[in-house]
Amino acid sequence: MHIVLGALGAIITILILVHRLSDSGIDIGWLNPFAWKRRREWAKKYHANPAFSLSDPMEVTALIMIAIAKSEGDISSQQKQ
């Protein structure tokens, strides 16, 4: 029983110290492996080519239309006027 109480006391002490560190401005959130995985997956999606994330046929059609318009060259402000 005294071993269980010692282990629980150590866990509570560690949690209190982590809370005090976060209150003082020291961020130790990078130690969380689940948050790291989530940030890594988001970074992969953010830096990926957006053409590979199209899911709707209308989005693909819009992309093709933009590609056709860009193939002739960019429109300058003088051409718009």
C-alpha atoms as a PDB file:
ATOM      1  CA  MET A   1       0.000   0.000   0.000  1.00  0.00           C
ATOM      2  CA  HIS A   2       2.819   2.389   0.821  1.00  0.00           C
ATOM      3  CA  ILE A   3       4.314   1.800  -2.651  1.00  0.00           C
ATOM      4  CA  VAL A   4       1.031   2.755  -4.339  1.00  0.00           C
ATOM      5  CA  LEU A   5       0.749   5.900  -2.225  1.00  0.00           C
ATOM      6  CA  GLY A   6       4.350   6.841  -3.073  1.00  0.00           C
ATOM      7  CA  ALA A   7       3.718   6.323  -6.808  1.00  0.00           C
ATOM      8  CA  LEU A   8       0.510   8.379  -6.701  1.00  0.00           C
ATOM      9  CA  GLY A   9       2.320  11.110  -4.758  1.00  0.00           C
ATOM     10  CA  ALA A  10       5.097  11.195  -7.348  1.00  0.00           C
ATOM     11  CA  ILE A  11       2.607  11.402 -10.243  1.00  0.00           C
ATOM     12  CA  ILE A  12       0.674  14.218  -8.561  1.00  0.00           C
ATOM     13  CA  THR A  13       3.910  16.074  -7.809  1.00  0.00           C
ATOM     14  CA  ILE A  14       5.011  15.820 -11.438  1.00  0.00           C
ATOM     15  CA  LEU A  15       1.615  17.050 -12.660  1.00  0.00           C
ATOM     16  CA  ILE A  16       1.688  20.001 -10.266  1.00  0.00           C
ATOM     17  CA  LEU A  17       5.215  20.930 -11.388  1.00  0.00           C
ATOM     18  CA  VAL A  18       4.212  20.705 -15.061  1.00  0.00           C
ATOM     19  CA  HIS A  19       1.234  22.967 -14.348  1.00  0.00           C
ATOM     20  CA  ARG A  20       3.472  25.473 -12.541  1.00  0.00           C
ATOM     21  CA  LEU A  21       5.906  25.456 -15.481  1.00  0.00           C
ATOM     22  CA  SER A  22       3.101  26.162 -17.933  1.00  0.00           C
ATOM     23  CA  ASP A  23       1.842  28.991 -15.690  1.00  0.00           C
ATOM     24  CA  SER A  24       5.287  30.574 -15.695  1.00  0.00           C
ATOM     25  CA  GLY A  25       5.424  30.532 -19.505  1.00  0.00           C
ATOM     26  CA  ILE A  26       7.550  27.473 -20.253  1.00  0.00           C
ATOM     27  CA  ASP A  27       5.846  25.429 -22.951  1.00  0.00           C
ATOM     28  CA  ILE A  28       6.445  21.697 -22.737  1.00  0.00           C
ATOM     29  CA  GLY A  29       3.632  20.769 -25.096  1.00  0.00           C
ATOM     30  CA  TRP A  30       6.153  19.544 -27.663  1.00  0.00           C
ATOM     31  CA  LEU A  31       6.650  16.464 -25.456  1.00  0.00           C
ATOM     32  CA  ASN A  32       3.144  15.208 -26.278  1.00  0.00           C
ATOM     33  CA  PRO A  33       3.519  12.577 -29.041  1.00  0.00           C
ATOM     34  CA  PHE A  34      -0.146  12.828 -30.084  1.00  0.00           C
ATOM     35  CA  ALA A  35       0.055  16.583 -30.571  1.00  0.00           C
ATOM     36  CA  TRP A  36       3.345  16.148 -32.443  1.00  0.00           C
ATOM     37  CA  LYS A  37       1.718  13.651 -34.827  1.00  0.00           C
ATOM     38  CA  ARG A  38      -1.243  15.981 -35.371  1.00  0.00           C
ATOM     39  CA  ARG A  39       1.070  18.955 -36.095  1.00  0.00           C
ATOM     40  CA  ARG A  40       3.166  16.827 -38.456  1.00  0.00           C
ATOM     41  CA  GLU A  41       0.109  15.670 -40.448  1.00  0.00           C
ATOM     42  CA  TRP A  42      -1.171  19.255 -40.671  1.00  0.00           C
ATOM     43  CA  ALA A  43       2.223  20.463 -41.914  1.00  0.00           C
ATOM     44  CA  LYS A  44       2.230  17.755 -44.590  1.00  0.00           C
ATOM     45  CA  LYS A  45      -1.229  18.851 -45.774  1.00  0.00           C
ATOM     46  CA  TYR A  46      -0.278  22.527 -45.662  1.00  0.00           C
ATOM     47  CA  HIS A  47       2.890  22.110 -47.738  1.00  0.00           C
ATOM     48  CA  ALA A  48       1.379  19.605 -50.191  1.00  0.00           C
ATOM     49  CA  ASN A  49       0.357  20.474 -53.732  1.00  0.00           C
ATOM     50  CA  PRO A  50      -3.322  21.536 -53.590  1.00  0.00           C
ATOM     51  CA  ALA A  51      -4.072  19.783 -56.874  1.00  0.00           C
ATOM     52  CA  PHE A  52      -3.712  16.436 -55.123  1.00  0.00           C
ATOM     53  CA  SER A  53      -6.365  17.235 -52.508  1.00  0.00           C
ATOM     54  CA  LEU A  54      -9.244  17.815 -54.923  1.00  0.00           C
ATOM     55  CA  SER A  55     -12.305  15.730 -54.127  1.00  0.00           C
ATOM     56  CA  ASP A  56     -15.129  17.268 -56.141  1.00  0.00           C
ATOM     57  CA  PRO A  57     -15.418  17.116 -59.961  1.00  0.00           C
ATOM     58  CA  MET A  58     -16.308  20.817 -60.006  1.00  0.00           C
ATOM     59  CA  GLU A  59     -13.004  21.636 -58.307  1.00  0.00           C
ATOM     60  CA  VAL A  60     -11.142  19.665 -60.975  1.00  0.00           C
ATOM     61  CA  THR A  61     -13.065  21.491 -63.709  1.00  0.00           C
ATOM     62  CA  ALA A  62     -12.224  24.859 -62.146  1.00  0.00           C
ATOM     63  CA  LEU A  63      -8.556  23.869 -61.961  1.00  0.00           C
ATOM     64  CA  ILE A  64      -8.531  22.913 -65.653  1.00  0.00           C
ATOM     65  CA  MET A  65     -10.224  26.204 -66.585  1.00  0.00           C
ATOM     66  CA  ILE A  66      -7.625  28.174 -64.646  1.00  0.00           C
ATOM     67  CA  ALA A  67      -4.821  26.191 -66.290  1.00  0.00           C
ATOM     68  CA  ILE A  68      -6.227  26.954 -69.745  1.00  0.00           C
ATOM     69  CA  ALA A  69      -6.540  30.648 -68.913  1.00  0.00           C
ATOM     70  CA  LYS A  70      -2.978  30.740 -67.539  1.00  0.00           C
ATOM     71  CA  SER A  71      -1.567  28.962 -70.590  1.00  0.00           C
ATOM     72  CA  GLU A  72      -2.152  32.087 -72.667  1.00  0.00           C
ATOM     73  CA  GLY A  73      -0.297  34.200 -70.122  1.00  0.00           C
ATOM     74  CA  ASP A  74      -1.175  36.361 -67.175  1.00  0.00           C
ATOM     75  CA  ILE A  75      -3.564  39.227 -67.737  1.00  0.00           C
ATOM     76  CA  SER A  76      -2.055  42.580 -66.971  1.00  0.00           C
ATOM     77  CA  SER A  77      -3.979  45.524 -65.542  1.00  0.00           C
ATOM     78  CA  GLN A  78      -3.738  47.312 -68.916  1.00  0.00           C
ATOM     79  CA  GLN A  79      -5.396  44.378 -70.681  1.00  0.00           C
ATOM     80  CA  LYS A  80      -8.198  44.384 -68.115  1.00  0.00           C
ATOM     81  CA  GLN A  81      -8.903  48.048 -68.806  1.00  0.00           C
END
